[in-house]
Amino acid sequence: MTEQKQVKSLFAVCLKNKGYSASLEPRKIYRVLPDDGAARHKLIRVVDESGEDYLYPADYFAPISLPKTLVEALALAA
């Protein structure tokens, strides 16, 4: 069995959606866009159900690392 390389977390799993039920689904994986300014305010920039990126509370998400092949497959699906 071959090892798959992990890439820097560009994705996060949604842990909760209180106040954002139309935009976020718990347990779903979302694409994360880097935003240092948002991070300083404990926010995370996520591409949500609308297909647009918005800021959400960072504690609503847990960053995850995915194998490179899966990241590439998800990029093609977008």
N, C-alpha and C. Protein backbone atom coordinates (compact mmCIF):
# COMPACT_ATOMS: atom_id res chain seq x y z
N MET A 1 0.85 -1.18 0.00
CA MET A 1 0.00 0.00 0.00
C MET A 1 0.89 1.23 0.00
N THR A 2 0.59 2.21 -0.85
CA THR A 2 1.42 3.41 -0.94
C THR A 2 0.91 4.49 -0.01
N GLU A 3 1.85 5.30 0.46
CA GLU A 3 1.47 6.42 1.32
C GLU A 3 1.00 7.57 0.44
N GLN A 4 -0.03 8.27 0.88
CA GLN A 4 -0.49 9.45 0.16
C GLN A 4 0.02 10.67 0.89
N LYS A 5 0.54 11.63 0.12
CA LYS A 5 1.04 12.86 0.72
C LYS A 5 -0.12 13.71 1.19
N GLN A 6 0.07 14.32 2.37
CA GLN A 6 -0.93 15.24 2.90
C GLN A 6 -0.54 16.65 2.47
N VAL A 7 -1.51 17.49 2.20
CA VAL A 7 -1.24 18.88 1.83
C VAL A 7 -1.78 19.79 2.93
N LYS A 8 -1.30 21.02 2.94
CA LYS A 8 -1.74 21.98 3.94
C LYS A 8 -3.26 22.08 3.91
N SER A 9 -3.84 22.27 5.08
CA SER A 9 -5.29 22.29 5.20
C SER A 9 -5.90 23.45 4.42
N LEU A 10 -6.63 23.11 3.39
CA LEU A 10 -7.40 24.08 2.63
C LEU A 10 -8.88 23.77 2.79
N PHE A 11 -9.14 22.82 3.68
CA PHE A 11 -10.51 22.38 3.91
C PHE A 11 -10.77 22.28 5.40
N ALA A 12 -12.04 22.37 5.76
CA ALA A 12 -12.44 22.24 7.16
C ALA A 12 -13.80 21.56 7.19
N VAL A 13 -14.05 20.86 8.28
CA VAL A 13 -15.34 20.23 8.47
C VAL A 13 -16.17 21.15 9.37
N CYS A 14 -17.43 21.32 9.01
CA CYS A 14 -18.33 22.16 9.79
C CYS A 14 -18.78 21.39 11.03
N LEU A 15 -18.63 22.01 12.18
CA LEU A 15 -19.01 21.39 13.45
C LEU A 15 -20.40 21.80 13.90
N LYS A 16 -20.79 23.02 13.58
CA LYS A 16 -22.12 23.52 13.97
C LYS A 16 -22.52 24.64 13.02
N ASN A 17 -23.81 24.96 13.00
CA ASN A 17 -24.30 25.98 12.08
C ASN A 17 -25.30 26.95 12.72
N LYS A 18 -25.29 27.05 14.05
CA LYS A 18 -26.24 27.91 14.75
C LYS A 18 -26.21 29.33 14.16
N GLY A 19 -27.35 29.78 13.69
CA GLY A 19 -27.47 31.10 13.08
C GLY A 19 -27.14 31.12 11.60
N TYR A 20 -26.68 30.00 11.06
CA TYR A 20 -26.29 29.93 9.65
C TYR A 20 -26.85 28.67 8.98
N SER A 21 -28.02 28.23 9.39
CA SER A 21 -28.55 26.95 8.89
C SER A 21 -28.78 26.93 7.38
N ALA A 22 -29.02 28.07 6.77
CA ALA A 22 -29.21 28.10 5.32
C ALA A 22 -27.89 28.06 4.57
N SER A 23 -26.79 28.37 5.25
CA SER A 23 -25.50 28.48 4.59
C SER A 23 -24.53 27.34 4.89
N LEU A 24 -24.70 26.69 6.04
CA LEU A 24 -23.75 25.67 6.47
C LEU A 24 -24.46 24.39 6.88
N GLU A 25 -23.81 23.26 6.58
CA GLU A 25 -24.32 21.95 7.00
C GLU A 25 -23.31 21.30 7.93
N PRO A 26 -23.69 20.98 9.15
CA PRO A 26 -22.77 20.27 10.04
C PRO A 26 -22.28 18.97 9.41
N ARG A 27 -21.03 18.62 9.68
CA ARG A 27 -20.36 17.42 9.21
C ARG A 27 -19.98 17.47 7.73
N LYS A 28 -20.21 18.59 7.07
CA LYS A 28 -19.84 18.72 5.66
C LYS A 28 -18.45 19.36 5.56
N ILE A 29 -17.70 18.97 4.54
CA ILE A 29 -16.38 19.53 4.30
C ILE A 29 -16.53 20.77 3.42
N TYR A 30 -15.88 21.85 3.83
CA TYR A 30 -15.91 23.11 3.09
C TYR A 30 -14.50 23.55 2.71
N ARG A 31 -14.42 24.23 1.58
CA ARG A 31 -13.15 24.82 1.15
C ARG A 31 -12.90 26.08 1.96
N VAL A 32 -11.66 26.25 2.40
CA VAL A 32 -11.26 27.40 3.21
C VAL A 32 -10.30 28.26 2.39
N LEU A 33 -10.52 29.57 2.41
CA LEU A 33 -9.62 30.50 1.75
C LEU A 33 -8.79 31.22 2.80
N PRO A 34 -7.49 31.37 2.56
CA PRO A 34 -6.64 32.05 3.54
C PRO A 34 -7.09 33.50 3.74
N ASP A 35 -7.15 33.94 4.98
CA ASP A 35 -7.51 35.32 5.30
C ASP A 35 -6.95 35.65 6.68
N ASP A 36 -5.73 36.19 6.70
CA ASP A 36 -5.06 36.50 7.96
C ASP A 36 -5.82 37.54 8.78
N GLY A 37 -6.42 38.51 8.12
CA GLY A 37 -7.20 39.53 8.83
C GLY A 37 -8.39 38.92 9.56
N ALA A 38 -9.06 38.01 8.90
CA ALA A 38 -10.20 37.34 9.53
C ALA A 38 -9.74 36.50 10.71
N ALA A 39 -8.63 35.79 10.53
CA ALA A 39 -8.12 34.93 11.59
C ALA A 39 -7.81 35.72 12.86
N ARG A 40 -7.33 36.95 12.70
CA ARG A 40 -7.04 37.79 13.87
C ARG A 40 -8.31 38.10 14.67
N HIS A 41 -9.47 37.98 14.03
CA HIS A 41 -10.75 38.24 14.68
C HIS A 41 -11.51 36.94 14.97
N LYS A 42 -10.77 35.82 14.93
CA LYS A 42 -11.33 34.49 15.20
C LYS A 42 -12.43 34.11 14.21
N LEU A 43 -12.21 34.49 12.95
CA LEU A 43 -13.14 34.15 11.87
C LEU A 43 -12.39 33.31 10.84
N ILE A 44 -13.16 32.62 10.01
CA ILE A 44 -12.60 31.80 8.95
C ILE A 44 -13.38 32.09 7.67
N ARG A 45 -12.67 32.19 6.54
CA ARG A 45 -13.32 32.45 5.25
C ARG A 45 -13.58 31.11 4.56
N VAL A 46 -14.87 30.84 4.35
CA VAL A 46 -15.31 29.54 3.85
C VAL A 46 -16.17 29.74 2.61
N VAL A 47 -16.01 28.86 1.63
CA VAL A 47 -16.91 28.84 0.47
C VAL A 47 -18.10 27.99 0.91
N ASP A 48 -19.26 28.65 1.09
CA ASP A 48 -20.42 27.98 1.66
C ASP A 48 -21.37 27.43 0.60
N GLU A 49 -22.57 27.09 1.02
CA GLU A 49 -23.57 26.47 0.13
C GLU A 49 -23.94 27.34 -1.06
N SER A 50 -23.76 28.66 -0.95
CA SER A 50 -24.09 29.56 -2.06
C SER A 50 -23.02 29.53 -3.13
N GLY A 51 -21.85 28.97 -2.81
CA GLY A 51 -20.75 28.97 -3.75
C GLY A 51 -19.87 30.20 -3.62
N GLU A 52 -20.26 31.09 -2.74
CA GLU A 52 -19.48 32.31 -2.47
C GLU A 52 -18.73 32.14 -1.16
N ASP A 53 -17.68 32.96 -0.97
CA ASP A 53 -16.94 32.88 0.29
C ASP A 53 -17.44 33.95 1.26
N TYR A 54 -17.59 33.52 2.51
CA TYR A 54 -18.06 34.39 3.59
C TYR A 54 -17.27 34.08 4.85
N LEU A 55 -17.32 35.00 5.78
CA LEU A 55 -16.66 34.80 7.07
C LEU A 55 -17.63 34.17 8.05
N TYR A 56 -17.11 33.20 8.80
CA TYR A 56 -17.88 32.53 9.84
C TYR A 56 -17.00 32.40 11.08
N PRO A 57 -17.60 32.18 12.25
CA PRO A 57 -16.79 31.96 13.45
C PRO A 57 -15.87 30.76 13.25
N ALA A 58 -14.60 30.93 13.56
CA ALA A 58 -13.62 29.86 13.36
C ALA A 58 -13.95 28.61 14.18
N ASP A 59 -14.58 28.80 15.34
CA ASP A 59 -14.89 27.63 16.17
C ASP A 59 -16.05 26.80 15.63
N TYR A 60 -16.65 27.22 14.53
CA TYR A 60 -17.68 26.42 13.88
C TYR A 60 -17.05 25.34 12.99
N PHE A 61 -15.72 25.38 12.82
CA PHE A 61 -15.03 24.49 11.89
C PHE A 61 -13.81 23.87 12.53
N ALA A 62 -13.43 22.71 12.01
CA ALA A 62 -12.18 22.06 12.39
C ALA A 62 -11.38 21.83 11.11
N PRO A 63 -10.17 22.38 11.05
CA PRO A 63 -9.35 22.17 9.84
C PRO A 63 -9.00 20.70 9.69
N ILE A 64 -8.96 20.25 8.45
CA ILE A 64 -8.61 18.86 8.18
C ILE A 64 -7.56 18.81 7.07
N SER A 65 -6.74 17.78 7.10
CA SER A 65 -5.78 17.53 6.04
C SER A 65 -6.31 16.38 5.20
N LEU A 66 -6.21 16.56 3.91
CA LEU A 66 -6.69 15.55 2.98
C LEU A 66 -5.55 15.08 2.10
N PRO A 67 -5.60 13.85 1.63
CA PRO A 67 -4.59 13.38 0.68
C PRO A 67 -4.63 14.24 -0.59
N LYS A 68 -3.48 14.41 -1.20
CA LYS A 68 -3.35 15.25 -2.40
C LYS A 68 -4.34 14.82 -3.49
N THR A 69 -4.51 13.52 -3.66
CA THR A 69 -5.43 13.04 -4.71
C THR A 69 -6.86 13.48 -4.46
N LEU A 70 -7.26 13.50 -3.20
CA LEU A 70 -8.61 13.94 -2.86
C LEU A 70 -8.77 15.44 -3.06
N VAL A 71 -7.76 16.21 -2.69
CA VAL A 71 -7.79 17.67 -2.90
C VAL A 71 -7.93 17.96 -4.39
N GLU A 72 -7.18 17.25 -5.20
CA GLU A 72 -7.26 17.44 -6.66
C GLU A 72 -8.65 17.06 -7.18
N ALA A 73 -9.22 15.98 -6.68
CA ALA A 73 -10.55 15.55 -7.11
C ALA A 73 -11.60 16.57 -6.72
N LEU A 74 -11.50 17.12 -5.50
CA LEU A 74 -12.45 18.14 -5.05
C LEU A 74 -12.31 19.42 -5.87
N ALA A 75 -11.09 19.77 -6.25
CA ALA A 75 -10.87 20.97 -7.07
C ALA A 75 -11.52 20.80 -8.43
N LEU A 76 -11.47 19.62 -8.99
CA LEU A 76 -12.08 19.38 -10.29
C LEU A 76 -13.60 19.42 -10.20
N ALA A 77 -14.15 19.07 -9.05
CA ALA A 77 -15.61 19.05 -8.88
C ALA A 77 -16.17 20.45 -8.69
N ALA A 78 -15.32 21.41 -8.35
CA ALA A 78 -15.80 22.78 -8.07
C ALA A 78 -16.14 23.53 -9.33
